[in-house]
Protein backbone atom coordinates (compact mmCIF):
# COMPACT_ATOMS: atom_id res chain seq x y z
CA MET A 1 0.01 0.00 0.02
CA CYS A 2 1.21 3.51 -0.71
CA PRO A 3 2.64 5.19 2.45
CA LYS A 4 0.52 8.31 1.89
CA ILE A 5 -2.72 6.34 1.78
CA SER A 6 -1.81 4.02 4.65
CA GLY A 7 -1.28 7.02 6.92
CA LEU A 8 -4.79 8.24 6.16
CA LEU A 9 -6.38 4.89 6.81
CA ARG A 10 -4.76 4.40 10.19
CA ARG A 11 -7.14 4.77 13.14
CA PRO A 12 -6.41 7.69 15.42
CA TYR A 13 -7.10 5.51 18.51
CA PRO A 14 -5.46 2.30 19.66
CA ASP A 15 -7.14 -0.93 18.80
CA ARG A 16 -10.03 -1.78 21.24
CA GLY A 17 -9.35 1.36 23.27
CA HIS A 18 -12.66 2.74 22.12
CA VAL A 19 -14.73 -0.33 23.08
CA MET A 20 -17.02 -0.02 26.09
CA ASN A 21 -16.42 -2.20 29.11
CA ASN A 22 -18.36 -5.44 28.74
CA GLY A 23 -20.10 -5.09 32.14
CA LEU A 24 -21.13 -1.52 31.36
CA PHE A 25 -22.48 -2.58 28.00
CA HIS A 26 -24.66 -5.25 29.56
CA LEU A 27 -25.85 -2.82 32.21
CA PHE A 28 -27.06 -0.40 29.52
CA LEU A 29 -28.51 -3.28 27.45
CA TYR A 30 -30.55 -4.65 30.38
CA ALA A 31 -31.69 -1.18 31.44
CA THR A 32 -32.87 -0.48 27.90
CA ILE A 33 -34.76 -3.76 27.73
CA ILE A 34 -36.43 -3.18 31.11
CA LEU A 35 -37.40 0.40 30.26
CA THR A 36 -38.83 -0.74 26.92
CA ALA A 37 -40.87 -3.47 28.65
CA VAL A 38 -42.22 -1.10 31.34
CA THR A 39 -43.10 1.51 28.69
CA GLY A 40 -44.90 -1.12 26.58
CA ALA A 41 -46.82 -2.43 29.60
CA GLY A 42 -47.80 1.15 30.56
CA ILE A 43 -49.06 1.91 27.10
CA TYR A 44 -50.97 -1.39 26.95
CA TYR A 45 -52.56 -0.74 30.38
CA PHE A 46 -53.47 2.85 29.43
CA LEU A 47 -55.10 1.79 26.16
CA ALA A 48 -56.92 -1.16 27.81
CA ASP A 49 -58.25 1.08 30.58
CA ARG A 50 -59.41 3.64 28.03
CA LYS A 51 -61.20 1.00 26.04
CA LYS A 52 -62.83 -0.35 29.20
CA ASN A 53 -64.02 3.13 30.25
CA ARG A 54 -65.34 3.84 26.77
CA ALA A 55 -67.32 0.61 26.80
CA ALA A 56 -68.85 1.50 30.17
CA ILE A 57 -70.39 4.72 28.80
CA PRO A 58 -73.50 3.91 26.81
CA THR A 59 -73.57 5.34 23.36
CA LEU A 60 -76.95 6.84 22.57
CA GLY A 61 -78.64 6.20 19.27
CA ASP A 62 -79.81 9.01 17.05
CA HIS A 63 -83.41 8.95 18.39
CA ASP A 64 -82.27 8.85 22.04
CA ARG A 65 -79.76 11.68 21.50
CA LEU A 66 -82.45 13.74 19.79
CA ALA A 67 -84.78 13.20 22.78
CA VAL A 68 -82.02 14.28 25.21
CA LEU A 69 -81.32 17.38 23.13
CA ASP A 70 -85.04 18.27 23.13
CA GLN A 71 -85.17 17.89 26.93
CA GLU A 72 -82.16 20.13 27.33
CA ILE A 73 -83.62 22.76 24.99
CA GLN A 74 -86.92 22.67 26.89
CA ARG A 75 -85.12 23.11 30.24
CA HIS A 76 -83.17 26.06 28.90
CA ARG A 77 -86.33 27.65 27.52
CA GLU A 78 -88.06 27.34 30.92
CA THR A 79 -85.03 28.95 32.59
CA LEU A 80 -85.02 31.71 29.98
CA ASP A 81 -88.73 32.36 30.40
CA MET A 82 -88.26 32.61 34.16
CA LEU A 83 -85.35 35.07 33.73
CA ILE A 84 -87.41 37.19 31.30
CA ARG A 85 -90.33 37.34 33.73
CA GLU A 86 -88.00 38.31 36.56
CA ARG A 87 -86.33 40.98 34.40
CA GLU A 88 -89.72 42.43 33.39
CA ALA A 89 -90.88 42.59 37.00
CA LEU A 90 -87.67 44.25 38.10
CA SER A 91 -87.87 46.69 35.23
CA ALA A 92 -91.45 47.59 36.13
CA ARG A 93 -90.42 48.22 39.77
CA VAL A 94 -87.53 50.39 38.70
CA GLU A 95 -89.73 52.44 36.37
CA GLY A 96 -92.29 52.93 39.11
CA ARG A 97 -95.11 51.08 37.38
CA VAL A 98 -95.45 48.71 40.32
CA ASP A 99 -94.66 49.97 43.83
CA GLU A 100 -93.96 46.69 45.52
CA LYS A 101 -94.48 43.04 45.03
CA PRO A 102 -97.66 41.73 46.64
CA GLY A 103 -97.21 40.76 50.27
CA ARG A 104 -93.82 42.36 50.69
CA THR A 105 -93.12 45.06 53.18
CA ASP A 106 -89.97 47.16 53.54
CA SER A 107 -90.41 47.73 57.25
CA ALA A 108 -89.15 45.13 59.69
CA SER A 109 -91.95 43.28 61.52
């Protein structure tokens, strides 16, 4: 081999000086395997628990969901009607159209 090329191909470190200690290598190998197994078990448990919880919640059909929405709308309309009546009564009291609510006195009894 040409001396110029052989100088370029020579390794800058001594042979096997760069190799990790065998015990340290196995320590990292086992730690990696254990961490991978624990992570896989955690992901499996999380997904299984999610699937179980999703199965516990009943899924409503279209007709049932429509009935639930109608009930919610009706409840909100009743609340809105009550608030509108209360607002109108308060507005009438403020404007002086009605002096007091029936049966109410301002003086302490």
